[in-house]
Amino acid sequence: MSRIEDEFWRGKEYAFFSHKKCEAFPCHADGRGDNFNCLFCYCPLYILGSECGGTHKYMQNGVKDCSSCTIPHERDNYGYITSRFGDIAHKMLQG
């Protein structure tokens, strides 16, 4: 992603949302407070498996456990996540 594209979304309302009245807020207790982004509550990168770029592990039953990952909840990662939409679409086409 170029620097110009990166700056386009910075400071925009659509790139950040913090739902402090949510029953699960914050779903990751890491002290972000006002910088906890709920926009990608269910991470769109999950489908990418081990290629998502986050910190995760696989449980014995094969389910991906992302509880230690905060990529979707960091204000500055909107650009990273949206830059992966092509990869997500490709993965979805593979079935």
PDB file of N, CA and C in Angstrom:
ATOM      1  N   MET A   1       0.853  -1.180   0.000  1.00  0.00           N
ATOM      2  CA  MET A   1       0.000   0.000   0.000  1.00  0.00           C
ATOM      3  C   MET A   1       0.895   1.238   0.000  1.00  0.00           C
ATOM      4  N   SER A   2       0.576   2.187  -0.859  1.00  0.00           N
ATOM      5  CA  SER A   2       1.394   3.393  -0.923  1.00  0.00           C
ATOM      6  C   SER A   2       1.078   4.325   0.240  1.00  0.00           C
ATOM      7  N   ARG A   3       1.958   5.245   0.483  1.00  0.00           N
ATOM      8  CA  ARG A   3       1.786   6.210   1.571  1.00  0.00           C
ATOM      9  C   ARG A   3       0.534   7.060   1.345  1.00  0.00           C
ATOM     10  N   ILE A   4       0.237   7.415   0.095  1.00  0.00           N
ATOM     11  CA  ILE A   4      -0.946   8.225  -0.209  1.00  0.00           C
ATOM     12  C   ILE A   4      -2.220   7.464   0.169  1.00  0.00           C
ATOM     13  N   GLU A   5      -2.310   6.181  -0.223  1.00  0.00           N
ATOM     14  CA  GLU A   5      -3.474   5.378   0.137  1.00  0.00           C
ATOM     15  C   GLU A   5      -3.581   5.229   1.642  1.00  0.00           C
ATOM     16  N   ASP A   6      -2.453   5.063   2.291  1.00  0.00           N
ATOM     17  CA  ASP A   6      -2.416   4.915   3.736  1.00  0.00           C
ATOM     18  C   ASP A   6      -2.989   6.156   4.412  1.00  0.00           C
ATOM     19  N   GLU A   7      -2.631   7.313   3.962  1.00  0.00           N
ATOM     20  CA  GLU A   7      -3.095   8.555   4.575  1.00  0.00           C
ATOM     21  C   GLU A   7      -4.563   8.837   4.294  1.00  0.00           C
ATOM     22  N   PHE A   8      -5.099   8.262   3.232  1.00  0.00           N
ATOM     23  CA  PHE A   8      -6.487   8.526   2.861  1.00  0.00           C
ATOM     24  C   PHE A   8      -7.460   8.133   3.964  1.00  0.00           C
ATOM     25  N   TRP A   9      -7.230   7.007   4.635  1.00  0.00           N
ATOM     26  CA  TRP A   9      -8.163   6.520   5.646  1.00  0.00           C
ATOM     27  C   TRP A   9      -7.853   7.031   7.046  1.00  0.00           C
ATOM     28  N   ARG A  10      -6.657   7.510   7.282  1.00  0.00           N
ATOM     29  CA  ARG A  10      -6.285   7.959   8.630  1.00  0.00           C
ATOM     30  C   ARG A  10      -7.169   9.130   9.073  1.00  0.00           C
ATOM     31  N   GLY A  11      -7.703   9.005  10.282  1.00  0.00           N
ATOM     32  CA  GLY A  11      -8.535  10.052  10.852  1.00  0.00           C
ATOM     33  C   GLY A  11      -9.984  10.026  10.388  1.00  0.00           C
ATOM     34  N   LYS A  12     -10.320   9.094   9.516  1.00  0.00           N
ATOM     35  CA  LYS A  12     -11.691   8.993   9.020  1.00  0.00           C
ATOM     36  C   LYS A  12     -12.532   8.189  10.008  1.00  0.00           C
ATOM     37  N   GLU A  13     -13.781   8.572  10.155  1.00  0.00           N
ATOM     38  CA  GLU A  13     -14.693   7.891  11.068  1.00  0.00           C
ATOM     39  C   GLU A  13     -14.923   6.433  10.675  1.00  0.00           C
ATOM     40  N   TYR A  14     -14.963   6.130   9.371  1.00  0.00           N
ATOM     41  CA  TYR A  14     -15.238   4.767   8.937  1.00  0.00           C
ATOM     42  C   TYR A  14     -14.106   3.795   9.260  1.00  0.00           C
ATOM     43  N   ALA A  15     -12.943   4.294   9.612  1.00  0.00           N
ATOM     44  CA  ALA A  15     -11.795   3.437   9.881  1.00  0.00           C
ATOM     45  C   ALA A  15     -11.662   3.063  11.356  1.00  0.00           C
ATOM     46  N   PHE A  16     -12.541   3.595  12.202  1.00  0.00           N
ATOM     47  CA  PHE A  16     -12.427   3.314  13.634  1.00  0.00           C
ATOM     48  C   PHE A  16     -13.800   3.405  14.286  1.00  0.00           C
ATOM     49  N   PHE A  17     -14.081   2.432  15.138  1.00  0.00           N
ATOM     50  CA  PHE A  17     -15.328   2.421  15.893  1.00  0.00           C
ATOM     51  C   PHE A  17     -15.070   1.694  17.205  1.00  0.00           C
ATOM     52  N   SER A  18     -15.416   2.313  18.301  1.00  0.00           N
ATOM     53  CA  SER A  18     -15.223   1.701  19.606  1.00  0.00           C
ATOM     54  C   SER A  18     -16.578   1.600  20.301  1.00  0.00           C
ATOM     55  N   HIS A  19     -17.067   0.381  20.463  1.00  0.00           N
ATOM     56  CA  HIS A  19     -18.402   0.132  21.027  1.00  0.00           C
ATOM     57  C   HIS A  19     -18.256  -0.201  22.511  1.00  0.00           C
ATOM     58  N   LYS A  20     -18.134   0.818  23.320  1.00  0.00           N
ATOM     59  CA  LYS A  20     -17.847   0.640  24.739  1.00  0.00           C
ATOM     60  C   LYS A  20     -19.010   0.062  25.532  1.00  0.00           C
ATOM     61  N   LYS A  21     -20.213   0.076  24.971  1.00  0.00           N
ATOM     62  CA  LYS A  21     -21.363  -0.496  25.666  1.00  0.00           C
ATOM     63  C   LYS A  21     -21.568  -1.974  25.319  1.00  0.00           C
ATOM     64  N   CYS A  22     -20.732  -2.511  24.460  1.00  0.00           N
ATOM     65  CA  CYS A  22     -20.823  -3.924  24.092  1.00  0.00           C
ATOM     66  C   CYS A  22     -20.582  -4.787  25.327  1.00  0.00           C
ATOM     67  N   GLU A  23     -21.346  -5.853  25.428  1.00  0.00           N
ATOM     68  CA  GLU A  23     -21.222  -6.763  26.566  1.00  0.00           C
ATOM     69  C   GLU A  23     -19.844  -7.409  26.647  1.00  0.00           C
ATOM     70  N   ALA A  24     -19.155  -7.518  25.541  1.00  0.00           N
ATOM     71  CA  ALA A  24     -17.839  -8.165  25.521  1.00  0.00           C
ATOM     72  C   ALA A  24     -16.678  -7.170  25.512  1.00  0.00           C
ATOM     73  N   PHE A  25     -16.956  -5.876  25.613  1.00  0.00           N
ATOM     74  CA  PHE A  25     -15.896  -4.862  25.510  1.00  0.00           C
ATOM     75  C   PHE A  25     -15.061  -4.805  26.779  1.00  0.00           C
ATOM     76  N   PRO A  26     -13.762  -4.756  26.664  1.00  0.00           N
ATOM     77  CA  PRO A  26     -12.987  -5.103  25.466  1.00  0.00           C
ATOM     78  C   PRO A  26     -12.789  -6.611  25.412  1.00  0.00           C
ATOM     79  N   CYS A  27     -12.881  -7.170  24.233  1.00  0.00           N
ATOM     80  CA  CYS A  27     -12.761  -8.627  24.106  1.00  0.00           C
ATOM     81  C   CYS A  27     -11.335  -9.086  24.345  1.00  0.00           C
ATOM     82  N   HIS A  28     -10.387  -8.207  24.193  1.00  0.00           N
ATOM     83  CA  HIS A  28      -8.986  -8.488  24.516  1.00  0.00           C
ATOM     84  C   HIS A  28      -8.585  -7.478  25.583  1.00  0.00           C
ATOM     85  N   ALA A  29      -8.344  -7.937  26.775  1.00  0.00           N
ATOM     86  CA  ALA A  29      -7.997  -7.035  27.882  1.00  0.00           C
ATOM     87  C   ALA A  29      -6.521  -6.645  27.775  1.00  0.00           C
ATOM     88  N   ASP A  30      -6.258  -5.631  26.982  1.00  0.00           N
ATOM     89  CA  ASP A  30      -4.869  -5.228  26.783  1.00  0.00           C
ATOM     90  C   ASP A  30      -4.624  -3.755  27.095  1.00  0.00           C
ATOM     91  N   GLY A  31      -5.607  -3.071  27.652  1.00  0.00           N
ATOM     92  CA  GLY A  31      -5.409  -1.696  28.079  1.00  0.00           C
ATOM     93  C   GLY A  31      -5.459  -0.636  27.004  1.00  0.00           C
ATOM     94  N   ARG A  32      -6.026  -0.906  25.843  1.00  0.00           N
ATOM     95  CA  ARG A  32      -6.087   0.093  24.767  1.00  0.00           C
ATOM     96  C   ARG A  32      -7.085   1.212  25.065  1.00  0.00           C
ATOM     97  N   GLY A  33      -8.103   0.940  25.850  1.00  0.00           N
ATOM     98  CA  GLY A  33      -9.066   1.967  26.218  1.00  0.00           C
ATOM     99  C   GLY A  33      -9.698   2.645  25.030  1.00  0.00           C
ATOM    100  N   ASP A  34      -9.435   3.940  24.867  1.00  0.00           N
ATOM    101  CA  ASP A  34     -10.038   4.736  23.802  1.00  0.00           C
ATOM    102  C   ASP A  34      -9.528   4.378  22.410  1.00  0.00           C
ATOM    103  N   ASN A  35      -8.476   3.609  22.320  1.00  0.00           N
ATOM    104  CA  ASN A  35      -7.922   3.225  21.018  1.00  0.00           C
ATOM    105  C   ASN A  35      -8.304   1.808  20.603  1.00  0.00           C
ATOM    106  N   PHE A  36      -9.252   1.196  21.301  1.00  0.00           N
ATOM    107  CA  PHE A  36      -9.672  -0.165  20.976  1.00  0.00           C
ATOM    108  C   PHE A  36     -10.680  -0.118  19.836  1.00  0.00           C
ATOM    109  N   ASN A  37     -10.299  -0.657  18.685  1.00  0.00           N
ATOM    110  CA  ASN A  37     -11.135  -0.607  17.490  1.00  0.00           C
ATOM    111  C   ASN A  37     -12.014  -1.850  17.396  1.00  0.00           C
ATOM    112  N   CYS A  38     -13.321  -1.638  17.357  1.00  0.00           N
ATOM    113  CA  CYS A  38     -14.292  -2.731  17.260  1.00  0.00           C
ATOM    114  C   CYS A  38     -14.787  -2.933  15.824  1.00  0.00           C
ATOM    115  N   LEU A  39     -14.289  -2.158  14.895  1.00  0.00           N
ATOM    116  CA  LEU A  39     -14.763  -2.209  13.517  1.00  0.00           C
ATOM    117  C   LEU A  39     -14.691  -3.616  12.927  1.00  0.00           C
ATOM    118  N   PHE A  40     -13.600  -4.316  13.189  1.00  0.00           N
ATOM    119  CA  PHE A  40     -13.441  -5.677  12.688  1.00  0.00           C
ATOM    120  C   PHE A  40     -13.602  -6.667  13.842  1.00  0.00           C
ATOM    121  N   CYS A  41     -14.727  -6.577  14.515  1.00  0.00           N
ATOM    122  CA  CYS A  41     -14.999  -7.426  15.667  1.00  0.00           C
ATOM    123  C   CYS A  41     -14.769  -8.893  15.325  1.00  0.00           C
ATOM    124  N   TYR A  42     -15.312  -9.321  14.225  1.00  0.00           N
ATOM    125  CA  TYR A  42     -15.021 -10.656  13.715  1.00  0.00           C
ATOM    126  C   TYR A  42     -14.005 -10.472  12.602  1.00  0.00           C
ATOM    127  N   CYS A  43     -12.804 -10.878  12.868  1.00  0.00           N
ATOM    128  CA  CYS A  43     -11.673 -10.575  11.982  1.00  0.00           C
ATOM    129  C   CYS A  43     -11.837 -11.185  10.597  1.00  0.00           C
ATOM    130  N   PRO A  44     -11.808 -10.358   9.561  1.00  0.00           N
ATOM    131  CA  PRO A  44     -11.921 -10.878   8.202  1.00  0.00           C
ATOM    132  C   PRO A  44     -10.687 -11.675   7.779  1.00  0.00           C
ATOM    133  N   LEU A  45      -9.589 -11.556   8.531  1.00  0.00           N
ATOM    134  CA  LEU A  45      -8.370 -12.281   8.189  1.00  0.00           C
ATOM    135  C   LEU A  45      -8.395 -13.734   8.646  1.00  0.00           C
ATOM    136  N   TYR A  46      -9.370 -14.105   9.442  1.00  0.00           N
ATOM    137  CA  TYR A  46      -9.462 -15.462   9.976  1.00  0.00           C
ATOM    138  C   TYR A  46      -9.381 -16.509   8.870  1.00  0.00           C
ATOM    139  N   ILE A  47     -10.063 -16.249   7.769  1.00  0.00           N
ATOM    140  CA  ILE A  47     -10.122 -17.197   6.655  1.00  0.00           C
ATOM    141  C   ILE A  47      -8.750 -17.468   6.034  1.00  0.00           C
ATOM    142  N   LEU A  48      -7.804 -16.592   6.253  1.00  0.00           N
ATOM    143  CA  LEU A  48      -6.474 -16.754   5.665  1.00  0.00           C
ATOM    144  C   LEU A  48      -5.623 -17.763   6.427  1.00  0.00           C
ATOM    145  N   GLY A  49      -6.152 -18.299   7.502  1.00  0.00           N
ATOM    146  CA  GLY A  49      -5.434 -19.318   8.262  1.00  0.00           C
ATOM    147  C   GLY A  49      -4.093 -18.820   8.763  1.00  0.00           C
ATOM    148  N   SER A  50      -3.064 -19.602   8.548  1.00  0.00           N
ATOM    149  CA  SER A  50      -1.734 -19.255   9.062  1.00  0.00           C
ATOM    150  C   SER A  50      -1.097 -18.100   8.300  1.00  0.00           C
ATOM    151  N   GLU A  51      -1.717 -17.645   7.218  1.00  0.00           N
ATOM    152  CA  GLU A  51      -1.181 -16.540   6.418  1.00  0.00           C
ATOM    153  C   GLU A  51      -1.807 -15.189   6.773  1.00  0.00           C
ATOM    154  N   CYS A  52      -2.523 -15.110   7.883  1.00  0.00           N
ATOM    155  CA  CYS A  52      -3.222 -13.875   8.255  1.00  0.00           C
ATOM    156  C   CYS A  52      -2.276 -12.767   8.722  1.00  0.00           C
ATOM    157  N   GLY A  53      -1.138 -13.157   9.264  1.00  0.00           N
ATOM    158  CA  GLY A  53      -0.187 -12.157   9.751  1.00  0.00           C
ATOM    159  C   GLY A  53      -0.311 -11.876  11.236  1.00  0.00           C
ATOM    160  N   GLY A  54      -1.248 -12.516  11.897  1.00  0.00           N
ATOM    161  CA  GLY A  54      -1.457 -12.277  13.326  1.00  0.00           C
ATOM    162  C   GLY A  54      -0.838 -13.355  14.199  1.00  0.00           C
ATOM    163  N   THR A  55      -0.991 -13.162  15.493  1.00  0.00           N
ATOM    164  CA  THR A  55      -0.513 -14.152  16.448  1.00  0.00           C
ATOM    165  C   THR A  55      -1.679 -15.066  16.797  1.00  0.00           C
ATOM    166  N   HIS A  56      -1.541 -16.314  16.489  1.00  0.00           N
ATOM    167  CA  HIS A  56      -2.598 -17.280  16.714  1.00  0.00           C
ATOM    168  C   HIS A  56      -1.981 -18.638  16.973  1.00  0.00           C
ATOM    169  N   LYS A  57      -2.823 -19.555  17.358  1.00  0.00           N
ATOM    170  CA  LYS A  57      -2.405 -20.946  17.494  1.00  0.00           C
ATOM    171  C   LYS A  57      -3.591 -21.808  17.072  1.00  0.00           C
ATOM    172  N   TYR A  58      -3.320 -23.035  16.788  1.00  0.00           N
ATOM    173  CA  TYR A  58      -4.375 -23.976  16.452  1.00  0.00           C
ATOM    174  C   TYR A  58      -4.593 -24.919  17.627  1.00  0.00           C
ATOM    175  N   MET A  59      -5.843 -25.067  18.002  1.00  0.00           N
ATOM    176  CA  MET A  59      -6.179 -25.976  19.085  1.00  0.00           C
ATOM    177  C   MET A  59      -6.129 -27.418  18.577  1.00  0.00           C
ATOM    178  N   GLN A  60      -6.165 -28.368  19.462  1.00  0.00           N
ATOM    179  CA  GLN A  60      -6.079 -29.782  19.084  1.00  0.00           C
ATOM    180  C   GLN A  60      -7.183 -30.197  18.120  1.00  0.00           C
ATOM    181  N   ASN A  61      -8.336 -29.536  18.202  1.00  0.00           N
ATOM    182  CA  ASN A  61      -9.447 -29.887  17.310  1.00  0.00           C
ATOM    183  C   ASN A  61      -9.356 -29.190  15.946  1.00  0.00           C
ATOM    184  N   GLY A  62      -8.263 -28.436  15.713  1.00  0.00           N
ATOM    185  CA  GLY A  62      -8.044 -27.779  14.425  1.00  0.00           C
ATOM    186  C   GLY A  62      -8.614 -26.385  14.309  1.00  0.00           C
ATOM    187  N   VAL A  63      -9.295 -25.900  15.343  1.00  0.00           N
ATOM    188  CA  VAL A  63      -9.873 -24.558  15.326  1.00  0.00           C
ATOM    189  C   VAL A  63      -8.770 -23.524  15.600  1.00  0.00           C
ATOM    190  N   LYS A  64      -8.789 -22.481  14.832  1.00  0.00           N
ATOM    191  CA  LYS A  64      -7.811 -21.399  14.978  1.00  0.00           C
ATOM    192  C   LYS A  64      -8.195 -20.532  16.177  1.00  0.00           C
ATOM    193  N   ASP A  65      -7.278 -20.381  17.102  1.00  0.00           N
ATOM    194  CA  ASP A  65      -7.496 -19.572  18.308  1.00  0.00           C
ATOM    195  C   ASP A  65      -6.755 -18.250  18.151  1.00  0.00           C
ATOM    196  N   CYS A  66      -7.511 -17.173  18.016  1.00  0.00           N
ATOM    197  CA  CYS A  66      -6.942 -15.841  17.790  1.00  0.00           C
ATOM    198  C   CYS A  66      -7.020 -14.963  19.033  1.00  0.00           C
ATOM    199  N   SER A  67      -7.258 -15.558  20.176  1.00  0.00           N
ATOM    200  CA  SER A  67      -7.476 -14.769  21.391  1.00  0.00           C
ATOM    201  C   SER A  67      -6.267 -13.934  21.802  1.00  0.00           C
ATOM    202  N   SER A  68      -5.076 -14.276  21.335  1.00  0.00           N
ATOM    203  CA  SER A  68      -3.892 -13.485  21.683  1.00  0.00           C
ATOM    204  C   SER A  68      -3.573 -12.422  20.626  1.00  0.00           C
ATOM    205  N   CYS A  69      -4.377 -12.337  19.591  1.00  0.00           N
ATOM    206  CA  CYS A  69      -4.122 -11.396  18.490  1.00  0.00           C
ATOM    207  C   CYS A  69      -4.965 -10.128  18.638  1.00  0.00           C
ATOM    208  N   THR A  70      -4.345  -8.987  18.423  1.00  0.00           N
ATOM    209  CA  THR A  70      -5.070  -7.716  18.490  1.00  0.00           C
ATOM    210  C   THR A  70      -5.021  -6.938  17.174  1.00  0.00           C
ATOM    211  N   ILE A  71      -4.558  -7.563  16.100  1.00  0.00           N
ATOM    212  CA  ILE A  71      -4.462  -6.857  14.812  1.00  0.00           C
ATOM    213  C   ILE A  71      -5.758  -6.150  14.435  1.00  0.00           C
ATOM    214  N   PRO A  72      -6.929  -6.800  14.482  1.00  0.00           N
ATOM    215  CA  PRO A  72      -8.140  -6.091  14.059  1.00  0.00           C
ATOM    216  C   PRO A  72      -8.575  -4.995  15.021  1.00  0.00           C
ATOM    217  N   HIS A  73      -8.012  -4.967  16.207  1.00  0.00           N
ATOM    218  CA  HIS A  73      -8.432  -3.996  17.217  1.00  0.00           C
ATOM    219  C   HIS A  73      -7.483  -2.814  17.375  1.00  0.00           C
ATOM    220  N   GLU A  74      -6.471  -2.751  16.545  1.00  0.00           N
ATOM    221  CA  GLU A  74      -5.530  -1.631  16.599  1.00  0.00           C
ATOM    222  C   GLU A  74      -5.928  -0.582  15.574  1.00  0.00           C
ATOM    223  N   ARG A  75      -6.039   0.649  16.017  1.00  0.00           N
ATOM    224  CA  ARG A  75      -6.485   1.755  15.171  1.00  0.00           C
ATOM    225  C   ARG A  75      -5.686   1.842  13.870  1.00  0.00           C
ATOM    226  N   ASP A  76      -4.395   1.615  13.931  1.00  0.00           N
ATOM    227  CA  ASP A  76      -3.533   1.787  12.757  1.00  0.00           C
ATOM    228  C   ASP A  76      -3.531   0.603  11.795  1.00  0.00           C
ATOM    229  N   ASN A  77      -4.334  -0.416  12.047  1.00  0.00           N
ATOM    230  CA  ASN A  77      -4.320  -1.588  11.180  1.00  0.00           C
ATOM    231  C   ASN A  77      -5.463  -1.659  10.179  1.00  0.00           C
ATOM    232  N   TYR A  78      -6.266  -0.618  10.079  1.00  0.00           N
ATOM    233  CA  TYR A  78      -7.335  -0.586   9.082  1.00  0.00           C
ATOM    234  C   TYR A  78      -6.759  -0.803   7.679  1.00  0.00           C
ATOM    235  N   GLY A  79      -5.701  -0.101   7.359  1.00  0.00           N
ATOM    236  CA  GLY A  79      -5.067  -0.213   6.042  1.00  0.00           C
ATOM    237  C   GLY A  79      -4.526  -1.605   5.785  1.00  0.00           C
ATOM    238  N   TYR A  80      -3.934  -2.228   6.808  1.00  0.00           N
ATOM    239  CA  TYR A  80      -3.415  -3.587   6.645  1.00  0.00           C
ATOM    240  C   TYR A  80      -4.549  -4.556   6.333  1.00  0.00           C
ATOM    241  N   ILE A  81      -5.614  -4.478   7.087  1.00  0.00           N
ATOM    242  CA  ILE A  81      -6.724  -5.407   6.889  1.00  0.00           C
ATOM    243  C   ILE A  81      -7.373  -5.204   5.524  1.00  0.00           C
ATOM    244  N   THR A  82      -7.646  -3.966   5.156  1.00  0.00           N
ATOM    245  CA  THR A  82      -8.287  -3.734   3.858  1.00  0.00           C
ATOM    246  C   THR A  82      -7.347  -4.076   2.697  1.00  0.00           C
ATOM    247  N   SER A  83      -6.045  -4.001   2.916  1.00  0.00           N
ATOM    248  CA  SER A  83      -5.105  -4.369   1.855  1.00  0.00           C
ATOM    249  C   SER A  83      -5.116  -5.876   1.599  1.00  0.00           C
ATOM    250  N   ARG A  84      -5.681  -6.648   2.507  1.00  0.00           N
ATOM    251  CA  ARG A  84      -5.735  -8.110   2.380  1.00  0.00           C
ATOM    252  C   ARG A  84      -7.054  -8.600   1.790  1.00  0.00           C
ATOM    253  N   PHE A  85      -7.955  -7.703   1.432  1.00  0.00           N
ATOM    254  CA  PHE A  85      -9.252  -8.118   0.900  1.00  0.00           C
ATOM    255  C   PHE A  85      -9.120  -8.948  -0.379  1.00  0.00           C
ATOM    256  N   GLY A  86      -8.133  -8.664  -1.206  1.00  0.00           N
ATOM    257  CA  GLY A  86      -7.895  -9.476  -2.411  1.00  0.00           C
ATOM    258  C   GLY A  86      -7.523 -10.902  -2.047  1.00  0.00           C
ATOM    259  N   ASP A  87      -6.687 -11.058  -1.023  1.00  0.00           N
ATOM    260  CA  ASP A  87      -6.298 -12.392  -0.553  1.00  0.00           C
ATOM    261  C   ASP A  87      -7.509 -13.140   0.000  1.00  0.00           C
ATOM    262  N   ILE A  88      -8.369 -12.407   0.705  1.00  0.00           N
ATOM    263  CA  ILE A  88      -9.575 -13.011   1.278  1.00  0.00           C
ATOM    264  C   ILE A  88     -10.502 -13.494   0.164  1.00  0.00           C
ATOM    265  N   ALA A  89     -10.703 -12.655  -0.837  1.00  0.00           N
ATOM    266  CA  ALA A  89     -11.565 -13.023  -1.972  1.00  0.00           C
ATOM    267  C   ALA A  89     -10.998 -14.250  -2.692  1.00  0.00           C
ATOM    268  N   HIS A  90      -9.702 -14.282  -2.883  1.00  0.00           N
ATOM    269  CA  HIS A  90      -9.065 -15.427  -3.535  1.00  0.00           C
ATOM    270  C   HIS A  90      -9.285 -16.713  -2.733  1.00  0.00           C
ATOM    271  N   LYS A  91      -9.109 -16.618  -1.429  1.00  0.00           N
ATOM    272  CA  LYS A  91      -9.292 -17.780  -0.547  1.00  0.00           C
ATOM    273  C   LYS A  91     -10.745 -18.265  -0.604  1.00  0.00           C
ATOM    274  N   MET A  92     -11.675 -17.333  -0.654  1.00  0.00           N
ATOM    275  CA  MET A  92     -13.090 -17.701  -0.714  1.00  0.00           C
ATOM    276  C   MET A  92     -13.426 -18.411  -2.031  1.00  0.00           C
ATOM    277  N   LEU A  93     -12.807 -18.014  -3.110  1.00  0.00           N
ATOM    278  CA  LEU A  93     -13.040 -18.650  -4.409  1.00  0.00           C
ATOM    279  C   LEU A  93     -12.504 -20.079  -4.435  1.00  0.00           C
ATOM    280  N   GLN A  94     -11.478 -20.326  -3.651  1.00  0.00           N
ATOM    281  CA  GLN A  94     -10.883 -21.669  -3.612  1.00  0.00           C
ATOM    282  C   GLN A  94     -11.809 -22.662  -2.919  1.00  0.00           C
ATOM    283  N   GLY A  95     -12.694 -22.136  -2.069  1.00  0.00           N
ATOM    284  CA  GLY A  95     -13.652 -23.002  -1.378  1.00  0.00           C
ATOM    285  C   GLY A  95     -13.123 -23.578  -0.177  1.00  0.00           C
TER     286      GLY A  95
END
